[in-house]
Amino acid sequence: MKKLKVLLCMAVACLALSACAGGSTGKADHSNDKVVLIDEVDLAKKLFPDLEGIESTEFEQIVPAGNDRLAVGPSDYIYQGYIVLSDEMAEKYESSYVWTEDEKYEFEVRTITERKGDWQYSEDFSKDYMPDGFTGRMWLDGNVIRFWICTM
């Protein structure tokens, strides 16, 4: 009887783990590693909680095919896109950091329109506003932030 209870508990645990591994965030469809367009200010505020003055967003979420670091669990997530800031906060960020041209500029959008601009990079700004658990880069042009972040 005790062995049956242990086996039953193990089966329930395996089912729970497999359900978590295939789960989604509730707002985005991650099935089949699709590129999903997300246009929600709330999600940007959750990703960048310390970034003030967010007025609108446009970004895509890309789910790569796998994660070699984990035996069970979700793939790494990449988010990239644009955040439009209030003019006041954009001016504050621009004057508070040293911005330069970025020779490592890599940004290719798939489901949103690419915005042309004079994108400037600040390593300190990127470090200060990078979400916990992510790595990436952030650029500024006027009141628009262009970002590329990935789970580490």
N, C-alpha and C. Protein backbone atom coordinates (compact mmCIF):
# COMPACT_ATOMS: atom_id res chain seq x y z
N MET A 1 0.81 -1.19 0.00
CA MET A 1 0.00 0.00 0.00
C MET A 1 0.86 1.26 0.00
N LYS A 2 1.94 1.21 0.81
CA LYS A 2 2.82 2.35 0.88
C LYS A 2 3.50 2.60 -0.46
N LYS A 3 3.89 1.51 -1.17
CA LYS A 3 4.51 1.64 -2.48
C LYS A 3 3.55 2.27 -3.48
N LEU A 4 2.29 1.91 -3.41
CA LEU A 4 1.27 2.46 -4.31
C LEU A 4 1.12 3.96 -4.08
N LYS A 5 1.11 4.39 -2.82
CA LYS A 5 1.01 5.82 -2.52
C LYS A 5 2.23 6.58 -3.07
N VAL A 6 3.42 6.01 -2.91
CA VAL A 6 4.64 6.65 -3.41
C VAL A 6 4.58 6.76 -4.93
N LEU A 7 4.18 5.69 -5.60
CA LEU A 7 4.07 5.71 -7.06
C LEU A 7 3.03 6.72 -7.52
N LEU A 8 1.91 6.81 -6.83
CA LEU A 8 0.87 7.77 -7.16
C LEU A 8 1.38 9.20 -7.01
N CYS A 9 2.10 9.46 -5.91
CA CYS A 9 2.67 10.80 -5.70
C CYS A 9 3.68 11.14 -6.79
N MET A 10 4.50 10.18 -7.20
CA MET A 10 5.48 10.42 -8.25
C MET A 10 4.78 10.71 -9.58
N ALA A 11 3.70 9.99 -9.87
CA ALA A 11 2.97 10.22 -11.12
C ALA A 11 2.35 11.62 -11.13
N VAL A 12 1.78 12.04 -10.01
CA VAL A 12 1.19 13.38 -9.92
C VAL A 12 2.27 14.44 -10.09
N ALA A 13 3.42 14.24 -9.48
CA ALA A 13 4.53 15.20 -9.59
C ALA A 13 5.01 15.30 -11.04
N CYS A 14 5.12 14.17 -11.73
CA CYS A 14 5.55 14.18 -13.13
C CYS A 14 4.54 14.92 -14.01
N LEU A 15 3.26 14.70 -13.76
CA LEU A 15 2.23 15.41 -14.52
C LEU A 15 2.28 16.91 -14.27
N ALA A 16 2.51 17.29 -13.03
CA ALA A 16 2.59 18.72 -12.70
C ALA A 16 3.79 19.36 -13.38
N LEU A 17 4.93 18.68 -13.35
CA LEU A 17 6.12 19.21 -14.01
C LEU A 17 5.93 19.34 -15.51
N SER A 18 5.32 18.35 -16.13
CA SER A 18 5.12 18.44 -17.58
C SER A 18 4.12 19.53 -17.93
N ALA A 19 3.15 19.80 -17.09
CA ALA A 19 2.20 20.88 -17.34
C ALA A 19 2.89 22.23 -17.22
N CYS A 20 3.79 22.38 -16.23
CA CYS A 20 4.53 23.63 -16.07
C CYS A 20 5.47 23.87 -17.23
N ALA A 21 6.11 22.83 -17.71
CA ALA A 21 7.08 22.99 -18.80
C ALA A 21 6.41 23.46 -20.08
N GLY A 22 5.17 23.12 -20.28
CA GLY A 22 4.49 23.53 -21.50
C GLY A 22 3.57 24.70 -21.30
N GLY A 23 3.61 25.33 -20.14
CA GLY A 23 2.68 26.41 -19.82
C GLY A 23 3.02 27.70 -20.54
N SER A 24 2.11 28.66 -20.42
CA SER A 24 2.34 29.97 -21.03
C SER A 24 2.14 31.05 -19.98
N THR A 25 2.39 32.28 -20.37
CA THR A 25 2.26 33.40 -19.44
C THR A 25 0.81 33.81 -19.25
N GLY A 26 -0.10 33.23 -19.99
CA GLY A 26 -1.50 33.57 -19.87
C GLY A 26 -1.93 34.60 -20.90
N LYS A 27 -1.01 35.37 -21.45
CA LYS A 27 -1.35 36.39 -22.42
C LYS A 27 -0.74 36.11 -23.78
N ALA A 28 0.29 35.31 -23.83
CA ALA A 28 0.97 35.07 -25.10
C ALA A 28 0.94 33.59 -25.40
N ASP A 29 0.80 33.26 -26.66
CA ASP A 29 0.78 31.87 -27.10
C ASP A 29 2.20 31.46 -27.47
N HIS A 30 2.80 30.58 -26.68
CA HIS A 30 4.17 30.15 -26.93
C HIS A 30 4.22 28.81 -27.65
N SER A 31 3.10 28.24 -28.02
CA SER A 31 3.10 26.93 -28.65
C SER A 31 3.80 27.00 -30.00
N ASN A 32 4.51 25.97 -30.29
CA ASN A 32 5.22 25.83 -31.57
C ASN A 32 6.25 26.93 -31.79
N ASP A 33 6.76 27.53 -30.71
CA ASP A 33 7.79 28.56 -30.82
C ASP A 33 7.42 29.65 -31.81
N LYS A 34 6.20 30.12 -31.76
CA LYS A 34 5.73 31.18 -32.65
C LYS A 34 6.27 32.52 -32.21
N VAL A 35 6.42 33.42 -33.15
CA VAL A 35 6.71 34.81 -32.83
C VAL A 35 5.39 35.45 -32.49
N VAL A 36 5.31 36.09 -31.33
CA VAL A 36 4.05 36.62 -30.85
C VAL A 36 4.18 38.13 -30.67
N LEU A 37 3.30 38.88 -31.28
CA LEU A 37 3.28 40.33 -31.15
C LEU A 37 2.52 40.71 -29.89
N ILE A 38 3.14 41.51 -29.05
CA ILE A 38 2.51 41.94 -27.81
C ILE A 38 2.57 43.45 -27.78
N ASP A 39 1.47 44.10 -27.52
CA ASP A 39 1.44 45.56 -27.45
C ASP A 39 0.76 45.95 -26.14
N GLU A 40 1.46 45.82 -25.05
CA GLU A 40 0.87 46.09 -23.75
C GLU A 40 1.83 46.90 -22.89
N VAL A 41 1.41 48.07 -22.48
CA VAL A 41 2.21 48.91 -21.60
C VAL A 41 2.44 48.20 -20.26
N ASP A 42 1.43 47.48 -19.78
CA ASP A 42 1.56 46.78 -18.50
C ASP A 42 2.71 45.78 -18.52
N LEU A 43 2.86 45.05 -19.62
CA LEU A 43 3.95 44.07 -19.70
C LEU A 43 5.30 44.78 -19.70
N ALA A 44 5.41 45.90 -20.41
CA ALA A 44 6.66 46.68 -20.40
C ALA A 44 6.97 47.17 -19.00
N LYS A 45 5.95 47.59 -18.27
CA LYS A 45 6.17 48.07 -16.90
C LYS A 45 6.60 46.92 -15.98
N LYS A 46 6.14 45.71 -16.26
CA LYS A 46 6.57 44.56 -15.48
C LYS A 46 8.01 44.17 -15.82
N LEU A 47 8.36 44.23 -17.11
CA LEU A 47 9.72 43.90 -17.51
C LEU A 47 10.72 44.95 -17.05
N PHE A 48 10.32 46.22 -17.10
CA PHE A 48 11.20 47.34 -16.75
C PHE A 48 10.58 48.14 -15.60
N PRO A 49 10.52 47.57 -14.40
CA PRO A 49 9.79 48.23 -13.31
C PRO A 49 10.37 49.57 -12.87
N ASP A 50 11.65 49.80 -13.09
CA ASP A 50 12.27 51.05 -12.65
C ASP A 50 12.25 52.13 -13.73
N LEU A 51 11.82 51.79 -14.92
CA LEU A 51 11.79 52.74 -16.03
C LEU A 51 10.52 53.58 -15.92
N GLU A 52 10.70 54.88 -15.74
CA GLU A 52 9.56 55.78 -15.57
C GLU A 52 9.18 56.44 -16.89
N GLY A 53 7.93 56.84 -16.99
CA GLY A 53 7.48 57.63 -18.13
C GLY A 53 7.06 56.82 -19.35
N ILE A 54 6.78 55.52 -19.19
CA ILE A 54 6.37 54.69 -20.32
C ILE A 54 4.98 55.13 -20.78
N GLU A 55 4.88 55.55 -22.03
CA GLU A 55 3.58 55.97 -22.59
C GLU A 55 2.99 54.94 -23.53
N SER A 56 3.83 54.28 -24.32
CA SER A 56 3.35 53.23 -25.21
C SER A 56 4.48 52.27 -25.51
N THR A 57 4.11 51.11 -26.02
CA THR A 57 5.11 50.09 -26.33
C THR A 57 4.75 49.41 -27.65
N GLU A 58 5.74 48.83 -28.22
CA GLU A 58 5.55 47.97 -29.39
C GLU A 58 6.70 46.97 -29.34
N PHE A 59 6.38 45.70 -29.08
CA PHE A 59 7.45 44.73 -29.04
C PHE A 59 6.97 43.35 -29.41
N GLU A 60 7.96 42.53 -29.68
CA GLU A 60 7.67 41.15 -30.02
C GLU A 60 8.41 40.25 -29.05
N GLN A 61 7.87 39.08 -28.89
CA GLN A 61 8.47 38.09 -28.02
C GLN A 61 8.84 36.91 -28.91
N ILE A 62 10.08 36.48 -28.80
CA ILE A 62 10.54 35.36 -29.60
C ILE A 62 10.95 34.26 -28.65
N VAL A 63 10.49 33.06 -28.90
CA VAL A 63 10.84 31.92 -28.07
C VAL A 63 11.75 31.02 -28.90
N PRO A 64 13.05 31.01 -28.60
CA PRO A 64 13.95 30.13 -29.34
C PRO A 64 13.58 28.66 -29.15
N ALA A 65 14.14 27.82 -29.97
CA ALA A 65 13.76 26.41 -30.01
C ALA A 65 14.15 25.62 -28.77
N GLY A 66 15.09 26.07 -27.98
CA GLY A 66 15.44 25.26 -26.83
C GLY A 66 16.35 25.96 -25.86
N ASN A 67 16.66 25.24 -24.82
CA ASN A 67 17.53 25.74 -23.77
C ASN A 67 18.40 24.58 -23.34
N ASP A 68 19.67 24.61 -23.70
CA ASP A 68 20.58 23.51 -23.39
C ASP A 68 20.91 23.41 -21.91
N ARG A 69 20.62 24.47 -21.14
CA ARG A 69 21.00 24.48 -19.73
C ARG A 69 20.01 23.73 -18.84
N LEU A 70 18.79 23.56 -19.28
CA LEU A 70 17.78 22.92 -18.44
C LEU A 70 17.28 21.63 -19.08
N ALA A 71 17.14 20.60 -18.26
CA ALA A 71 16.60 19.35 -18.78
C ALA A 71 15.09 19.44 -18.94
N VAL A 72 14.45 20.15 -18.03
CA VAL A 72 13.00 20.33 -18.08
C VAL A 72 12.72 21.80 -17.85
N GLY A 73 11.82 22.37 -18.61
CA GLY A 73 11.46 23.76 -18.38
C GLY A 73 11.31 24.51 -19.68
N PRO A 74 10.93 25.77 -19.58
CA PRO A 74 10.69 26.56 -20.78
C PRO A 74 11.98 26.96 -21.49
N SER A 75 11.85 27.35 -22.73
CA SER A 75 12.98 27.87 -23.49
C SER A 75 13.32 29.26 -22.98
N ASP A 76 14.50 29.74 -23.40
CA ASP A 76 14.85 31.12 -23.11
C ASP A 76 13.90 32.03 -23.88
N TYR A 77 13.62 33.21 -23.33
CA TYR A 77 12.75 34.18 -23.98
C TYR A 77 13.56 35.39 -24.40
N ILE A 78 13.27 35.90 -25.56
CA ILE A 78 13.87 37.13 -26.05
C ILE A 78 12.73 38.11 -26.28
N TYR A 79 12.89 39.32 -25.76
CA TYR A 79 11.95 40.39 -26.02
C TYR A 79 12.72 41.50 -26.71
N GLN A 80 12.12 42.09 -27.71
CA GLN A 80 12.73 43.24 -28.36
C GLN A 80 11.64 44.14 -28.89
N GLY A 81 11.96 45.41 -28.98
CA GLY A 81 10.96 46.34 -29.48
C GLY A 81 11.26 47.76 -29.06
N TYR A 82 10.19 48.52 -28.87
CA TYR A 82 10.31 49.95 -28.62
C TYR A 82 9.42 50.36 -27.45
N ILE A 83 9.92 51.31 -26.69
CA ILE A 83 9.15 51.93 -25.62
C ILE A 83 9.18 53.43 -25.86
N VAL A 84 8.01 54.04 -25.93
CA VAL A 84 7.92 55.49 -26.08
C VAL A 84 7.75 56.08 -24.69
N LEU A 85 8.65 57.02 -24.38
CA LEU A 85 8.65 57.67 -23.07
C LEU A 85 8.02 59.05 -23.15
N SER A 86 7.60 59.55 -22.01
CA SER A 86 7.18 60.95 -21.94
C SER A 86 8.41 61.81 -22.26
N ASP A 87 8.17 62.97 -22.83
CA ASP A 87 9.29 63.86 -23.18
C ASP A 87 10.12 64.21 -21.94
N GLU A 88 9.45 64.44 -20.83
CA GLU A 88 10.13 64.81 -19.59
C GLU A 88 11.11 63.72 -19.13
N MET A 89 10.66 62.46 -19.13
CA MET A 89 11.53 61.38 -18.67
C MET A 89 12.63 61.09 -19.68
N ALA A 90 12.32 61.22 -20.97
CA ALA A 90 13.35 61.01 -21.99
C ALA A 90 14.47 62.03 -21.82
N GLU A 91 14.12 63.27 -21.57
CA GLU A 91 15.13 64.31 -21.35
C GLU A 91 15.95 64.00 -20.09
N LYS A 92 15.30 63.51 -19.04
CA LYS A 92 16.01 63.16 -17.81
C LYS A 92 17.02 62.06 -18.08
N TYR A 93 16.59 60.99 -18.77
CA TYR A 93 17.50 59.88 -19.06
C TYR A 93 18.63 60.33 -19.98
N GLU A 94 18.31 61.13 -20.97
CA GLU A 94 19.34 61.58 -21.92
C GLU A 94 20.41 62.43 -21.22
N SER A 95 19.99 63.28 -20.30
CA SER A 95 20.95 64.15 -19.62
C SER A 95 21.68 63.46 -18.45
N SER A 96 21.17 62.33 -17.99
CA SER A 96 21.75 61.65 -16.84
C SER A 96 22.81 60.61 -17.21
N TYR A 97 22.95 60.30 -18.49
CA TYR A 97 23.88 59.27 -18.93
C TYR A 97 24.72 59.77 -20.09
N VAL A 98 25.85 59.11 -20.30
CA VAL A 98 26.69 59.39 -21.47
C VAL A 98 26.27 58.43 -22.57
N TRP A 99 25.84 58.98 -23.70
CA TRP A 99 25.34 58.19 -24.82
C TRP A 99 26.32 58.27 -25.98
N THR A 100 26.58 57.13 -26.63
CA THR A 100 27.48 57.08 -27.77
C THR A 100 26.89 56.18 -28.85
N GLU A 101 27.48 56.25 -30.05
CA GLU A 101 27.08 55.31 -31.10
C GLU A 101 27.46 53.92 -30.65
N ASP A 102 26.69 52.94 -31.05
CA ASP A 102 26.91 51.57 -30.62
C ASP A 102 27.40 50.75 -31.79
N GLU A 103 28.65 50.33 -31.74
CA GLU A 103 29.21 49.52 -32.82
C GLU A 103 28.67 48.09 -32.79
N LYS A 104 28.13 47.65 -31.67
CA LYS A 104 27.59 46.30 -31.54
C LYS A 104 26.09 46.27 -31.77
N TYR A 105 25.60 47.24 -32.49
CA TYR A 105 24.16 47.35 -32.72
C TYR A 105 23.65 46.15 -33.50
N GLU A 106 22.81 45.35 -32.87
CA GLU A 106 22.19 44.19 -33.51
C GLU A 106 20.71 44.20 -33.14
N PHE A 107 19.89 44.34 -34.14
CA PHE A 107 18.46 44.42 -33.85
C PHE A 107 17.72 44.12 -35.14
N GLU A 108 16.99 43.05 -35.16
CA GLU A 108 16.21 42.68 -36.34
C GLU A 108 14.80 42.32 -35.91
N VAL A 109 13.83 43.09 -36.36
CA VAL A 109 12.45 42.82 -35.97
C VAL A 109 11.80 41.92 -37.00
N ARG A 110 10.83 41.15 -36.55
CA ARG A 110 10.15 40.21 -37.44
C ARG A 110 8.68 40.57 -37.64
N THR A 111 8.03 41.01 -36.56
CA THR A 111 6.59 41.22 -36.66
C THR A 111 6.17 42.66 -36.42
N ILE A 112 7.12 43.54 -36.21
CA ILE A 112 6.80 44.95 -36.01
C ILE A 112 7.62 45.78 -37.00
N THR A 113 7.23 47.00 -37.21
CA THR A 113 7.93 47.87 -38.15
C THR A 113 9.17 48.44 -37.48
N GLU A 114 10.30 48.32 -38.15
CA GLU A 114 11.55 48.86 -37.60
C GLU A 114 11.53 50.38 -37.70
N ARG A 115 11.91 51.02 -36.61
CA ARG A 115 11.98 52.48 -36.57
C ARG A 115 13.42 52.90 -36.85
N LYS A 116 13.58 53.76 -37.82
CA LYS A 116 14.91 54.31 -38.12
C LYS A 116 15.19 55.43 -37.14
N GLY A 117 16.44 55.67 -36.85
CA GLY A 117 16.77 56.75 -35.94
C GLY A 117 18.26 56.83 -35.70
N ASP A 118 18.64 57.77 -34.89
CA ASP A 118 20.02 57.97 -34.49
C ASP A 118 20.17 57.34 -33.11
N TRP A 119 20.23 56.02 -33.07
CA TRP A 119 20.22 55.28 -31.83
C TRP A 119 21.55 55.43 -31.10
N GLN A 120 21.47 55.81 -29.85
CA GLN A 120 22.63 56.00 -28.99
C GLN A 120 22.58 54.98 -27.86
N TYR A 121 23.75 54.55 -27.42
CA TYR A 121 23.85 53.51 -26.41
C TYR A 121 24.57 54.03 -25.17
N SER A 122 24.10 53.60 -24.01
CA SER A 122 24.76 53.87 -22.74
C SER A 122 24.81 52.56 -21.96
N GLU A 123 26.01 52.07 -21.72
CA GLU A 123 26.16 50.83 -20.96
C GLU A 123 25.58 50.98 -19.56
N ASP A 124 25.80 52.15 -18.94
CA ASP A 124 25.28 52.38 -17.59
C ASP A 124 23.75 52.38 -17.57
N PHE A 125 23.13 53.02 -18.57
CA PHE A 125 21.67 53.04 -18.65
C PHE A 125 21.15 51.61 -18.80
N SER A 126 21.77 50.84 -19.72
CA SER A 126 21.34 49.46 -19.92
C SER A 126 21.44 48.64 -18.64
N LYS A 127 22.53 48.82 -17.90
CA LYS A 127 22.70 48.08 -16.64
C LYS A 127 21.66 48.52 -15.60
N ASP A 128 21.43 49.84 -15.53
CA ASP A 128 20.51 50.35 -14.52
C ASP A 128 19.06 49.92 -14.74
N TYR A 129 18.66 49.74 -15.99
CA TYR A 129 17.25 49.46 -16.27
C TYR A 129 17.00 48.07 -16.86
N MET A 130 18.04 47.24 -16.92
CA MET A 130 17.87 45.86 -17.40
C MET A 130 17.06 45.08 -16.37
N PRO A 131 16.05 44.34 -16.82
CA PRO A 131 15.25 43.55 -15.86
C PRO A 131 16.10 42.48 -15.18
N ASP A 132 15.77 42.17 -13.93
CA ASP A 132 16.45 41.09 -13.21
C ASP A 132 16.31 39.79 -13.99
N GLY A 133 17.39 39.05 -14.09
CA GLY A 133 17.36 37.76 -14.77
C GLY A 133 17.49 37.87 -16.29
N PHE A 134 17.74 39.07 -16.81
CA PHE A 134 17.88 39.26 -18.25
C PHE A 134 19.25 39.84 -18.57
N THR A 135 19.67 39.66 -19.80
CA THR A 135 20.83 40.34 -20.35
C THR A 135 20.37 41.00 -21.64
N GLY A 136 21.10 42.00 -22.11
CA GLY A 136 20.69 42.63 -23.35
C GLY A 136 21.24 44.03 -23.50
N ARG A 137 20.60 44.80 -24.38
CA ARG A 137 21.04 46.16 -24.68
C ARG A 137 19.81 47.05 -24.86
N MET A 138 20.02 48.34 -24.54
CA MET A 138 18.95 49.33 -24.70
C MET A 138 19.56 50.57 -25.36
N TRP A 139 18.84 51.14 -26.33
CA TRP A 139 19.30 52.32 -27.04
C TRP A 139 18.26 53.42 -26.92
N LEU A 140 18.67 54.66 -27.12
CA LEU A 140 17.76 55.80 -27.01
C LEU A 140 17.90 56.69 -28.23
N ASP A 141 16.77 57.16 -28.74
CA ASP A 141 16.72 58.20 -29.77
C ASP A 141 15.52 59.07 -29.46
N GLY A 142 15.80 60.30 -28.99
CA GLY A 142 14.71 61.19 -28.61
C GLY A 142 13.96 60.62 -27.42
N ASN A 143 12.66 60.35 -27.61
CA ASN A 143 11.88 59.79 -26.50
C ASN A 143 11.54 58.31 -26.72
N VAL A 144 12.30 57.64 -27.60
CA VAL A 144 12.05 56.23 -27.89
C VAL A 144 13.24 55.38 -27.44
N ILE A 145 12.94 54.33 -26.69
CA ILE A 145 13.94 53.34 -26.31
C ILE A 145 13.74 52.13 -27.19
N ARG A 146 14.82 51.65 -27.74
CA ARG A 146 14.84 50.40 -28.50
C ARG A 146 15.54 49.40 -27.57
N PHE A 147 14.96 48.21 -27.42
CA PHE A 147 15.57 47.25 -26.50
C PHE A 147 15.61 45.85 -27.09
N TRP A 148 16.59 45.10 -26.65
CA TRP A 148 16.75 43.68 -26.96
C TRP A 148 17.21 43.04 -25.67
N ILE A 149 16.37 42.16 -25.10
CA ILE A 149 16.71 41.51 -23.84
C ILE A 149 16.42 40.01 -23.94
N CYS A 150 17.16 39.23 -23.17
CA CYS A 150 17.02 37.78 -23.21
C CYS A 150 17.20 37.23 -21.81
N THR A 151 16.43 36.20 -21.47
CA THR A 151 16.63 35.55 -20.17
C THR A 151 18.02 34.94 -20.15
N MET A 152 18.64 35.03 -19.01
CA MET A 152 20.03 34.53 -18.89
C MET A 152 20.06 33.06 -18.56
